[in-house]
N, C-alpha and C. Protein backbone atom coordinates (compact mmCIF):
# COMPACT_ATOMS: atom_id res chain seq x y z
N MET A 1 -29.45 19.61 -63.37
CA MET A 1 -29.58 20.58 -62.28
C MET A 1 -28.24 21.25 -62.05
N PHE A 2 -28.26 22.55 -61.92
CA PHE A 2 -27.04 23.25 -61.56
C PHE A 2 -26.67 22.88 -60.16
N HIS A 3 -25.40 22.77 -59.91
CA HIS A 3 -24.96 22.52 -58.55
C HIS A 3 -23.76 23.40 -58.29
N CYS A 4 -23.73 23.98 -57.15
CA CYS A 4 -22.63 24.85 -56.81
C CYS A 4 -22.04 24.37 -55.50
N THR A 5 -20.78 24.10 -55.48
CA THR A 5 -20.16 23.67 -54.24
C THR A 5 -20.11 24.85 -53.28
N PRO A 6 -20.22 24.58 -51.98
CA PRO A 6 -20.18 25.66 -51.01
C PRO A 6 -18.92 26.50 -51.17
N LEU A 7 -19.06 27.77 -51.05
CA LEU A 7 -17.92 28.65 -51.13
C LEU A 7 -18.10 29.78 -50.15
N GLU A 8 -17.02 30.40 -49.86
CA GLU A 8 -17.06 31.61 -49.06
C GLU A 8 -16.47 32.70 -49.92
N LEU A 9 -17.20 33.76 -50.09
CA LEU A 9 -16.78 34.84 -50.96
C LEU A 9 -16.98 36.15 -50.22
N THR A 10 -15.94 36.91 -50.13
CA THR A 10 -16.05 38.23 -49.51
C THR A 10 -15.99 39.27 -50.61
N ILE A 11 -16.96 40.13 -50.63
CA ILE A 11 -17.03 41.17 -51.65
C ILE A 11 -17.06 42.52 -50.95
N ALA A 12 -16.16 43.37 -51.35
CA ALA A 12 -16.19 44.72 -50.80
C ALA A 12 -17.41 45.43 -51.36
N ALA A 13 -18.11 46.11 -50.50
CA ALA A 13 -19.29 46.85 -50.93
C ALA A 13 -18.86 47.98 -51.85
N PRO A 14 -19.71 48.36 -52.80
CA PRO A 14 -19.37 49.47 -53.69
C PRO A 14 -19.36 50.77 -52.90
N PRO A 15 -18.77 51.79 -53.46
CA PRO A 15 -18.78 53.07 -52.75
C PRO A 15 -20.21 53.47 -52.42
N PRO A 16 -20.44 53.97 -51.21
CA PRO A 16 -21.80 54.36 -50.84
C PRO A 16 -22.29 55.51 -51.72
N GLU A 17 -23.61 55.54 -51.91
CA GLU A 17 -24.19 56.58 -52.75
C GLU A 17 -24.17 57.94 -52.05
N THR A 18 -24.19 57.92 -50.74
CA THR A 18 -24.09 59.16 -49.99
C THR A 18 -23.02 58.97 -48.93
N LYS A 19 -22.45 60.05 -48.50
CA LYS A 19 -21.38 59.95 -47.51
C LYS A 19 -21.87 59.46 -46.16
N SER A 20 -23.19 59.51 -45.91
CA SER A 20 -23.72 59.08 -44.62
C SER A 20 -23.84 57.56 -44.51
N ARG A 21 -23.72 56.85 -45.63
CA ARG A 21 -23.84 55.39 -45.59
C ARG A 21 -22.48 54.77 -45.31
N PRO A 22 -22.39 53.92 -44.28
CA PRO A 22 -21.10 53.31 -43.97
C PRO A 22 -20.73 52.25 -45.01
N MET A 23 -19.44 52.11 -45.25
CA MET A 23 -18.96 51.09 -46.17
C MET A 23 -18.82 49.79 -45.38
N ASN A 24 -19.31 48.71 -45.92
CA ASN A 24 -19.25 47.43 -45.25
C ASN A 24 -18.76 46.37 -46.21
N ARG A 25 -18.39 45.23 -45.65
CA ARG A 25 -18.01 44.09 -46.45
C ARG A 25 -19.12 43.06 -46.33
N THR A 26 -19.39 42.42 -47.44
CA THR A 26 -20.43 41.40 -47.48
C THR A 26 -19.75 40.04 -47.63
N LEU A 27 -20.05 39.15 -46.71
CA LEU A 27 -19.59 37.78 -46.81
C LEU A 27 -20.74 36.97 -47.39
N LEU A 28 -20.48 36.28 -48.49
CA LEU A 28 -21.49 35.45 -49.13
C LEU A 28 -21.06 34.00 -49.05
N ARG A 29 -22.03 33.13 -48.78
CA ARG A 29 -21.75 31.71 -48.85
C ARG A 29 -23.03 30.97 -49.19
N HIS A 30 -22.86 29.83 -49.84
CA HIS A 30 -24.00 28.99 -50.17
C HIS A 30 -24.51 28.32 -48.90
N ALA A 31 -25.82 28.30 -48.76
CA ALA A 31 -26.44 27.73 -47.56
C ALA A 31 -26.19 26.23 -47.50
N ARG A 32 -26.11 25.75 -46.27
CA ARG A 32 -25.95 24.32 -45.98
C ARG A 32 -27.16 23.88 -45.18
N VAL A 33 -27.33 22.59 -45.05
CA VAL A 33 -28.51 22.06 -44.35
C VAL A 33 -28.63 22.62 -42.94
N GLU A 34 -27.53 22.87 -42.28
CA GLU A 34 -27.59 23.42 -40.92
C GLU A 34 -28.07 24.88 -40.89
N ASP A 35 -28.23 25.49 -42.06
CA ASP A 35 -28.72 26.87 -42.15
C ASP A 35 -30.24 26.94 -42.35
N VAL A 36 -30.91 25.80 -42.32
CA VAL A 36 -32.33 25.78 -42.67
C VAL A 36 -33.17 26.71 -41.79
N ASP A 37 -32.87 26.80 -40.51
CA ASP A 37 -33.64 27.70 -39.63
C ASP A 37 -33.42 29.17 -40.01
N LEU A 38 -32.20 29.51 -40.36
CA LEU A 38 -31.91 30.88 -40.80
C LEU A 38 -32.63 31.18 -42.12
N VAL A 39 -32.62 30.24 -43.04
CA VAL A 39 -33.32 30.44 -44.31
C VAL A 39 -34.81 30.68 -44.05
N LEU A 40 -35.40 29.89 -43.19
CA LEU A 40 -36.82 30.07 -42.88
C LEU A 40 -37.07 31.42 -42.21
N GLU A 41 -36.19 31.83 -41.33
CA GLU A 41 -36.31 33.16 -40.69
C GLU A 41 -36.27 34.27 -41.74
N LEU A 42 -35.38 34.15 -42.71
CA LEU A 42 -35.27 35.17 -43.76
C LEU A 42 -36.49 35.14 -44.69
N ILE A 43 -37.01 33.97 -44.96
CA ILE A 43 -38.24 33.86 -45.75
C ILE A 43 -39.37 34.60 -45.04
N ARG A 44 -39.47 34.39 -43.74
CA ARG A 44 -40.52 35.07 -42.98
C ARG A 44 -40.31 36.58 -42.94
N GLY A 45 -39.05 37.01 -42.88
CA GLY A 45 -38.76 38.44 -42.93
C GLY A 45 -39.16 39.05 -44.25
N LEU A 46 -38.87 38.35 -45.34
CA LEU A 46 -39.27 38.81 -46.66
C LEU A 46 -40.79 38.89 -46.76
N ALA A 47 -41.47 37.85 -46.31
CA ALA A 47 -42.94 37.83 -46.37
C ALA A 47 -43.53 38.98 -45.56
N ASP A 48 -42.95 39.25 -44.40
CA ASP A 48 -43.43 40.36 -43.57
C ASP A 48 -43.24 41.68 -44.31
N PHE A 49 -42.07 41.88 -44.92
CA PHE A 49 -41.80 43.10 -45.67
C PHE A 49 -42.81 43.28 -46.81
N GLU A 50 -43.16 42.18 -47.47
CA GLU A 50 -44.08 42.25 -48.61
C GLU A 50 -45.55 42.18 -48.19
N ASN A 51 -45.81 42.19 -46.88
CA ASN A 51 -47.17 42.07 -46.35
C ASN A 51 -47.84 40.77 -46.80
N LEU A 52 -47.05 39.71 -46.85
CA LEU A 52 -47.55 38.41 -47.31
C LEU A 52 -47.29 37.30 -46.29
N SER A 53 -47.13 37.66 -45.04
CA SER A 53 -46.85 36.66 -44.00
C SER A 53 -47.90 35.57 -43.96
N HIS A 54 -49.13 35.93 -44.25
CA HIS A 54 -50.23 34.95 -44.23
C HIS A 54 -50.08 33.88 -45.31
N GLN A 55 -49.19 34.09 -46.28
CA GLN A 55 -49.01 33.11 -47.35
C GLN A 55 -47.87 32.13 -47.11
N VAL A 56 -47.07 32.36 -46.08
CA VAL A 56 -45.94 31.47 -45.82
C VAL A 56 -46.44 30.13 -45.29
N GLN A 57 -46.16 29.09 -46.04
CA GLN A 57 -46.51 27.73 -45.65
C GLN A 57 -45.27 26.88 -45.44
N ALA A 58 -44.12 27.36 -45.86
CA ALA A 58 -42.88 26.59 -45.77
C ALA A 58 -42.58 26.22 -44.32
N THR A 59 -42.11 25.00 -44.15
CA THR A 59 -41.69 24.52 -42.84
C THR A 59 -40.22 24.14 -42.90
N ARG A 60 -39.65 23.99 -41.75
CA ARG A 60 -38.26 23.56 -41.64
C ARG A 60 -38.05 22.24 -42.39
N GLU A 61 -38.95 21.30 -42.19
CA GLU A 61 -38.84 19.99 -42.80
C GLU A 61 -38.94 20.08 -44.33
N GLN A 62 -39.88 20.88 -44.81
CA GLN A 62 -40.02 21.06 -46.27
C GLN A 62 -38.75 21.63 -46.87
N LEU A 63 -38.20 22.65 -46.23
CA LEU A 63 -37.00 23.29 -46.75
C LEU A 63 -35.80 22.35 -46.72
N GLN A 64 -35.72 21.55 -45.67
CA GLN A 64 -34.62 20.57 -45.61
C GLN A 64 -34.67 19.65 -46.83
N GLU A 65 -35.86 19.19 -47.17
CA GLU A 65 -36.00 18.28 -48.29
C GLU A 65 -35.86 18.99 -49.63
N THR A 66 -36.55 20.12 -49.81
CA THR A 66 -36.58 20.76 -51.13
C THR A 66 -35.31 21.54 -51.46
N LEU A 67 -34.60 22.01 -50.45
CA LEU A 67 -33.37 22.76 -50.71
C LEU A 67 -32.10 21.94 -50.49
N PHE A 68 -32.16 20.95 -49.59
CA PHE A 68 -30.94 20.24 -49.22
C PHE A 68 -31.07 18.72 -49.34
N GLY A 69 -32.17 18.25 -49.88
CA GLY A 69 -32.39 16.81 -50.02
C GLY A 69 -31.66 16.23 -51.22
N ALA A 70 -32.07 15.04 -51.62
CA ALA A 70 -31.42 14.32 -52.71
C ALA A 70 -31.52 15.05 -54.05
N LYS A 71 -32.60 15.79 -54.26
CA LYS A 71 -32.80 16.50 -55.53
C LYS A 71 -33.20 17.95 -55.22
N PRO A 72 -32.24 18.80 -54.90
CA PRO A 72 -32.56 20.19 -54.54
C PRO A 72 -33.29 20.92 -55.67
N ALA A 73 -34.34 21.64 -55.30
CA ALA A 73 -35.12 22.39 -56.27
C ALA A 73 -34.57 23.79 -56.52
N ALA A 74 -33.75 24.27 -55.60
CA ALA A 74 -33.19 25.61 -55.71
C ALA A 74 -31.94 25.68 -54.86
N GLU A 75 -31.23 26.78 -55.03
CA GLU A 75 -30.04 27.05 -54.24
C GLU A 75 -30.27 28.32 -53.43
N VAL A 76 -29.50 28.47 -52.36
CA VAL A 76 -29.62 29.64 -51.50
C VAL A 76 -28.23 30.19 -51.23
N VAL A 77 -28.10 31.49 -51.39
CA VAL A 77 -26.89 32.20 -50.98
C VAL A 77 -27.26 33.06 -49.78
N LEU A 78 -26.45 32.98 -48.75
CA LEU A 78 -26.65 33.79 -47.54
C LEU A 78 -25.65 34.94 -47.55
N ALA A 79 -26.09 36.08 -47.06
CA ALA A 79 -25.23 37.26 -46.97
C ALA A 79 -25.05 37.63 -45.50
N PHE A 80 -23.82 37.97 -45.16
CA PHE A 80 -23.48 38.33 -43.78
C PHE A 80 -22.68 39.62 -43.76
N GLU A 81 -22.86 40.36 -42.69
CA GLU A 81 -22.00 41.50 -42.37
C GLU A 81 -21.35 41.11 -41.06
N GLY A 82 -20.07 40.80 -41.10
CA GLY A 82 -19.43 40.20 -39.94
C GLY A 82 -20.07 38.85 -39.68
N ASP A 83 -20.50 38.63 -38.44
CA ASP A 83 -21.15 37.37 -38.08
C ASP A 83 -22.68 37.44 -38.19
N GLU A 84 -23.20 38.60 -38.55
CA GLU A 84 -24.64 38.80 -38.57
C GLU A 84 -25.23 38.56 -39.95
N SER A 85 -26.29 37.74 -40.00
CA SER A 85 -26.95 37.50 -41.30
C SER A 85 -27.71 38.75 -41.69
N VAL A 86 -27.55 39.15 -42.95
CA VAL A 86 -28.20 40.37 -43.42
C VAL A 86 -29.19 40.11 -44.54
N GLY A 87 -29.13 38.92 -45.17
CA GLY A 87 -30.05 38.65 -46.25
C GLY A 87 -29.76 37.33 -46.94
N PHE A 88 -30.52 37.11 -48.01
CA PHE A 88 -30.37 35.86 -48.76
C PHE A 88 -30.93 36.01 -50.16
N ALA A 89 -30.59 35.03 -50.98
CA ALA A 89 -31.17 34.91 -52.32
C ALA A 89 -31.48 33.44 -52.56
N VAL A 90 -32.63 33.19 -53.17
CA VAL A 90 -33.03 31.85 -53.58
C VAL A 90 -33.10 31.88 -55.10
N PHE A 91 -32.45 30.92 -55.75
CA PHE A 91 -32.38 30.92 -57.21
C PHE A 91 -32.34 29.50 -57.75
N PHE A 92 -32.66 29.38 -59.03
CA PHE A 92 -32.67 28.07 -59.67
C PHE A 92 -32.55 28.26 -61.18
N PRO A 93 -32.23 27.18 -61.91
CA PRO A 93 -32.10 27.31 -63.36
C PRO A 93 -33.44 27.36 -64.07
N ASN A 94 -33.46 28.05 -65.18
CA ASN A 94 -34.59 28.01 -66.10
C ASN A 94 -34.01 27.86 -67.50
N PHE A 95 -34.81 28.02 -68.51
CA PHE A 95 -34.33 27.85 -69.88
C PHE A 95 -35.03 28.81 -70.81
N SER A 96 -34.28 29.38 -71.73
CA SER A 96 -34.86 30.26 -72.74
C SER A 96 -34.89 29.52 -74.07
N THR A 97 -36.08 29.28 -74.56
CA THR A 97 -36.21 28.63 -75.87
C THR A 97 -35.75 29.56 -76.99
N PHE A 98 -35.91 30.86 -76.83
CA PHE A 98 -35.53 31.80 -77.88
C PHE A 98 -34.02 31.88 -78.08
N ILE A 99 -33.26 31.86 -76.98
CA ILE A 99 -31.81 31.93 -77.14
C ILE A 99 -31.16 30.55 -77.03
N GLY A 100 -31.96 29.54 -76.67
CA GLY A 100 -31.45 28.18 -76.63
C GLY A 100 -30.40 27.92 -75.57
N LYS A 101 -30.51 28.64 -74.46
CA LYS A 101 -29.54 28.51 -73.37
C LYS A 101 -30.26 28.47 -72.03
N PRO A 102 -29.57 27.89 -71.04
CA PRO A 102 -30.13 27.95 -69.69
C PRO A 102 -30.07 29.38 -69.18
N GLY A 103 -30.86 29.63 -68.16
CA GLY A 103 -30.84 30.92 -67.49
C GLY A 103 -30.79 30.70 -66.00
N LEU A 104 -30.60 31.77 -65.28
CA LEU A 104 -30.63 31.73 -63.83
C LEU A 104 -31.80 32.59 -63.39
N TYR A 105 -32.71 32.00 -62.62
CA TYR A 105 -33.89 32.73 -62.15
C TYR A 105 -33.77 33.00 -60.67
N LEU A 106 -33.86 34.26 -60.31
CA LEU A 106 -33.80 34.69 -58.92
C LEU A 106 -35.23 34.74 -58.38
N GLU A 107 -35.55 33.80 -57.51
CA GLU A 107 -36.88 33.75 -56.92
C GLU A 107 -37.06 34.86 -55.88
N ASP A 108 -36.09 34.99 -55.02
CA ASP A 108 -36.16 35.99 -53.95
C ASP A 108 -34.79 36.55 -53.65
N LEU A 109 -34.75 37.86 -53.46
CA LEU A 109 -33.58 38.56 -52.91
C LEU A 109 -34.11 39.40 -51.77
N TYR A 110 -33.55 39.21 -50.61
CA TYR A 110 -34.02 39.96 -49.44
C TYR A 110 -32.83 40.39 -48.61
N VAL A 111 -32.82 41.66 -48.27
CA VAL A 111 -31.85 42.22 -47.32
C VAL A 111 -32.67 42.82 -46.19
N ARG A 112 -32.32 42.45 -44.98
CA ARG A 112 -33.04 42.99 -43.81
C ARG A 112 -33.03 44.52 -43.88
N PRO A 113 -34.18 45.15 -43.56
CA PRO A 113 -34.29 46.61 -43.72
C PRO A 113 -33.16 47.41 -43.06
N GLU A 114 -32.73 47.00 -41.89
CA GLU A 114 -31.69 47.77 -41.19
C GLU A 114 -30.32 47.66 -41.85
N PHE A 115 -30.17 46.77 -42.84
CA PHE A 115 -28.89 46.60 -43.53
C PHE A 115 -28.93 47.06 -44.98
N ARG A 116 -30.03 47.67 -45.39
CA ARG A 116 -30.14 48.13 -46.78
C ARG A 116 -29.29 49.37 -47.00
N GLY A 117 -28.91 49.57 -48.24
CA GLY A 117 -28.10 50.74 -48.60
C GLY A 117 -26.63 50.58 -48.27
N ARG A 118 -26.18 49.39 -47.94
CA ARG A 118 -24.78 49.16 -47.59
C ARG A 118 -24.06 48.30 -48.62
N GLY A 119 -24.72 48.02 -49.73
CA GLY A 119 -24.06 47.25 -50.79
C GLY A 119 -24.29 45.75 -50.76
N HIS A 120 -25.06 45.27 -49.77
CA HIS A 120 -25.26 43.83 -49.66
C HIS A 120 -26.09 43.27 -50.81
N GLY A 121 -27.16 43.94 -51.18
CA GLY A 121 -27.98 43.47 -52.28
C GLY A 121 -27.20 43.45 -53.59
N ARG A 122 -26.41 44.48 -53.81
CA ARG A 122 -25.58 44.53 -55.02
C ARG A 122 -24.56 43.40 -55.01
N ALA A 123 -23.97 43.12 -53.87
CA ALA A 123 -22.99 42.03 -53.78
C ALA A 123 -23.64 40.70 -54.14
N VAL A 124 -24.86 40.47 -53.67
CA VAL A 124 -25.56 39.22 -54.00
C VAL A 124 -25.86 39.16 -55.49
N LEU A 125 -26.38 40.25 -56.07
CA LEU A 125 -26.68 40.26 -57.50
C LEU A 125 -25.42 40.04 -58.33
N LYS A 126 -24.34 40.68 -57.95
CA LYS A 126 -23.07 40.51 -58.66
C LYS A 126 -22.62 39.06 -58.59
N HIS A 127 -22.72 38.45 -57.43
CA HIS A 127 -22.34 37.05 -57.28
C HIS A 127 -23.19 36.15 -58.17
N LEU A 128 -24.50 36.38 -58.19
CA LEU A 128 -25.38 35.55 -59.01
C LEU A 128 -25.14 35.79 -60.50
N ALA A 129 -24.84 37.01 -60.89
CA ALA A 129 -24.50 37.29 -62.29
C ALA A 129 -23.23 36.55 -62.68
N THR A 130 -22.27 36.50 -61.77
CA THR A 130 -21.04 35.76 -62.03
C THR A 130 -21.33 34.27 -62.17
N LEU A 131 -22.18 33.73 -61.28
CA LEU A 131 -22.57 32.32 -61.39
C LEU A 131 -23.24 32.06 -62.74
N ALA A 132 -24.13 32.95 -63.15
CA ALA A 132 -24.83 32.79 -64.42
C ALA A 132 -23.82 32.72 -65.57
N MET A 133 -22.84 33.59 -65.55
CA MET A 133 -21.83 33.58 -66.60
C MET A 133 -21.01 32.29 -66.55
N GLU A 134 -20.60 31.88 -65.35
CA GLU A 134 -19.80 30.65 -65.22
C GLU A 134 -20.57 29.41 -65.67
N ARG A 135 -21.88 29.44 -65.53
CA ARG A 135 -22.73 28.29 -65.88
C ARG A 135 -23.23 28.35 -67.31
N GLY A 136 -22.79 29.31 -68.07
CA GLY A 136 -23.17 29.40 -69.47
C GLY A 136 -24.58 29.90 -69.70
N CYS A 137 -25.10 30.64 -68.76
CA CYS A 137 -26.48 31.14 -68.88
C CYS A 137 -26.54 32.31 -69.86
N GLY A 138 -27.64 32.37 -70.58
CA GLY A 138 -27.88 33.49 -71.49
C GLY A 138 -28.65 34.61 -70.84
N ARG A 139 -29.25 34.32 -69.68
CA ARG A 139 -30.06 35.32 -68.98
C ARG A 139 -29.96 35.12 -67.47
N PHE A 140 -30.19 36.22 -66.78
CA PHE A 140 -30.35 36.24 -65.33
C PHE A 140 -31.57 37.11 -65.12
N GLU A 141 -32.65 36.54 -64.60
CA GLU A 141 -33.88 37.32 -64.49
C GLU A 141 -34.63 37.06 -63.20
N TRP A 142 -35.56 37.97 -62.90
CA TRP A 142 -36.36 37.90 -61.69
C TRP A 142 -37.56 38.81 -61.86
N THR A 143 -38.44 38.78 -60.90
CA THR A 143 -39.59 39.69 -60.89
C THR A 143 -39.45 40.65 -59.71
N VAL A 144 -40.20 41.72 -59.78
CA VAL A 144 -40.22 42.69 -58.69
C VAL A 144 -41.66 43.17 -58.54
N LEU A 145 -42.09 43.35 -57.31
CA LEU A 145 -43.44 43.85 -57.06
C LEU A 145 -43.58 45.27 -57.61
N ASP A 146 -44.71 45.54 -58.25
CA ASP A 146 -44.88 46.84 -58.90
C ASP A 146 -44.91 48.01 -57.92
N TRP A 147 -45.23 47.77 -56.67
CA TRP A 147 -45.26 48.85 -55.68
C TRP A 147 -43.89 49.11 -55.03
N ASN A 148 -42.92 48.25 -55.27
CA ASN A 148 -41.63 48.36 -54.61
C ASN A 148 -40.69 49.24 -55.45
N GLU A 149 -40.99 50.54 -55.44
CA GLU A 149 -40.25 51.50 -56.26
C GLU A 149 -38.76 51.55 -55.93
N SER A 150 -38.40 51.40 -54.65
CA SER A 150 -36.98 51.44 -54.31
C SER A 150 -36.25 50.25 -54.92
N ALA A 151 -36.88 49.08 -54.93
CA ALA A 151 -36.26 47.90 -55.55
C ALA A 151 -36.18 48.08 -57.06
N ILE A 152 -37.23 48.60 -57.67
CA ILE A 152 -37.22 48.82 -59.11
C ILE A 152 -36.07 49.74 -59.50
N GLU A 153 -35.92 50.83 -58.79
CA GLU A 153 -34.83 51.76 -59.09
C GLU A 153 -33.47 51.12 -58.81
N PHE A 154 -33.34 50.36 -57.75
CA PHE A 154 -32.10 49.64 -57.44
C PHE A 154 -31.74 48.71 -58.60
N TYR A 155 -32.71 47.92 -59.07
CA TYR A 155 -32.45 46.99 -60.16
C TYR A 155 -32.07 47.71 -61.44
N ARG A 156 -32.72 48.82 -61.71
CA ARG A 156 -32.36 49.61 -62.90
C ARG A 156 -30.92 50.10 -62.81
N ARG A 157 -30.52 50.53 -61.62
CA ARG A 157 -29.13 50.98 -61.44
C ARG A 157 -28.13 49.86 -61.66
N GLN A 158 -28.57 48.63 -61.47
CA GLN A 158 -27.69 47.48 -61.69
C GLN A 158 -27.68 47.04 -63.15
N GLY A 159 -28.47 47.71 -63.98
CA GLY A 159 -28.51 47.40 -65.40
C GLY A 159 -29.68 46.55 -65.83
N ALA A 160 -30.60 46.25 -64.92
CA ALA A 160 -31.76 45.42 -65.25
C ALA A 160 -32.75 46.20 -66.12
N GLU A 161 -33.33 45.50 -67.07
CA GLU A 161 -34.40 46.04 -67.90
C GLU A 161 -35.72 45.58 -67.30
N ILE A 162 -36.60 46.50 -66.99
CA ILE A 162 -37.92 46.16 -66.47
C ILE A 162 -38.83 45.93 -67.68
N LEU A 163 -39.47 44.77 -67.74
CA LEU A 163 -40.28 44.39 -68.90
C LEU A 163 -41.77 44.55 -68.58
N PRO A 164 -42.34 45.73 -68.83
CA PRO A 164 -43.73 46.00 -68.44
C PRO A 164 -44.76 45.20 -69.22
N GLU A 165 -44.39 44.67 -70.39
CA GLU A 165 -45.36 43.95 -71.20
C GLU A 165 -45.58 42.51 -70.74
N TRP A 166 -44.80 42.02 -69.79
CA TRP A 166 -44.93 40.65 -69.31
C TRP A 166 -45.72 40.61 -68.02
N ARG A 167 -46.51 39.56 -67.83
CA ARG A 167 -47.28 39.34 -66.61
C ARG A 167 -46.99 37.94 -66.10
N ILE A 168 -47.02 37.76 -64.82
CA ILE A 168 -46.81 36.45 -64.21
C ILE A 168 -48.14 35.69 -64.22
N CYS A 169 -48.09 34.45 -64.64
CA CYS A 169 -49.26 33.57 -64.57
C CYS A 169 -48.95 32.50 -63.54
N ARG A 170 -49.90 32.25 -62.66
CA ARG A 170 -49.67 31.28 -61.58
C ARG A 170 -50.91 30.43 -61.40
N VAL A 171 -50.70 29.15 -61.26
CA VAL A 171 -51.75 28.21 -60.92
C VAL A 171 -51.26 27.50 -59.66
N ALA A 172 -52.02 27.57 -58.58
CA ALA A 172 -51.60 26.99 -57.30
C ALA A 172 -52.81 26.45 -56.55
N GLY A 173 -52.52 25.63 -55.55
CA GLY A 173 -53.58 25.13 -54.67
C GLY A 173 -54.66 24.37 -55.42
N ASP A 174 -55.92 24.69 -55.11
CA ASP A 174 -57.06 24.01 -55.73
C ASP A 174 -57.08 24.19 -57.25
N ALA A 175 -56.68 25.36 -57.73
CA ALA A 175 -56.66 25.59 -59.17
C ALA A 175 -55.66 24.66 -59.85
N LEU A 176 -54.53 24.41 -59.22
CA LEU A 176 -53.54 23.48 -59.75
C LEU A 176 -54.11 22.06 -59.77
N ASP A 177 -54.77 21.68 -58.70
CA ASP A 177 -55.42 20.35 -58.65
C ASP A 177 -56.42 20.20 -59.78
N ARG A 178 -57.26 21.22 -59.95
CA ARG A 178 -58.29 21.15 -60.99
C ARG A 178 -57.67 21.06 -62.39
N LEU A 179 -56.65 21.86 -62.64
CA LEU A 179 -56.01 21.84 -63.95
C LEU A 179 -55.36 20.49 -64.23
N ALA A 180 -54.74 19.92 -63.24
CA ALA A 180 -54.05 18.63 -63.41
C ALA A 180 -55.00 17.50 -63.73
N VAL A 181 -56.21 17.54 -63.20
CA VAL A 181 -57.16 16.45 -63.41
C VAL A 181 -58.22 16.78 -64.45
N SER A 182 -58.14 17.96 -65.07
CA SER A 182 -59.17 18.34 -66.05
C SER A 182 -59.04 17.49 -67.31
N SER A 183 -60.18 17.36 -67.99
CA SER A 183 -60.15 16.57 -69.23
C SER A 183 -60.26 17.46 -70.44
């Protein structure tokens, strides 16, 4: 399992794309157990943005165990503008059999709507790309909803290749139970 010691990293936002966007500084740090309520709040904000609030089942207790327990399943980076939380990223290792190296998978990147366009999302992606390089990863990848055109264009501007030939396959809930016990 990848493990990253807590750090505080301040990244100057890139020059704004338009003169009307204020330049801000993004403070990034790895989440700690005492941040569990903030992480859950950001998860709910993301779900609301994606019109998927009805799917959120995560609880404070679950997140404490799965993110900060004895065997963390993922890591979380929090983004701040001054003292105000502006977003987060949840990520974990994966592996590419084709290149024979670990990868870094970004499960979620969320910046609160009122803080978008200020360089915070780019600062988080840059930080995660740096982590991927430091950890010897051959890839840094994630998915994006097909209707989220602004995110797709943002990711393209960061150098991401959108892979239209790939589809996500998911087995969850009752279907997962059935598959696990099938003969």
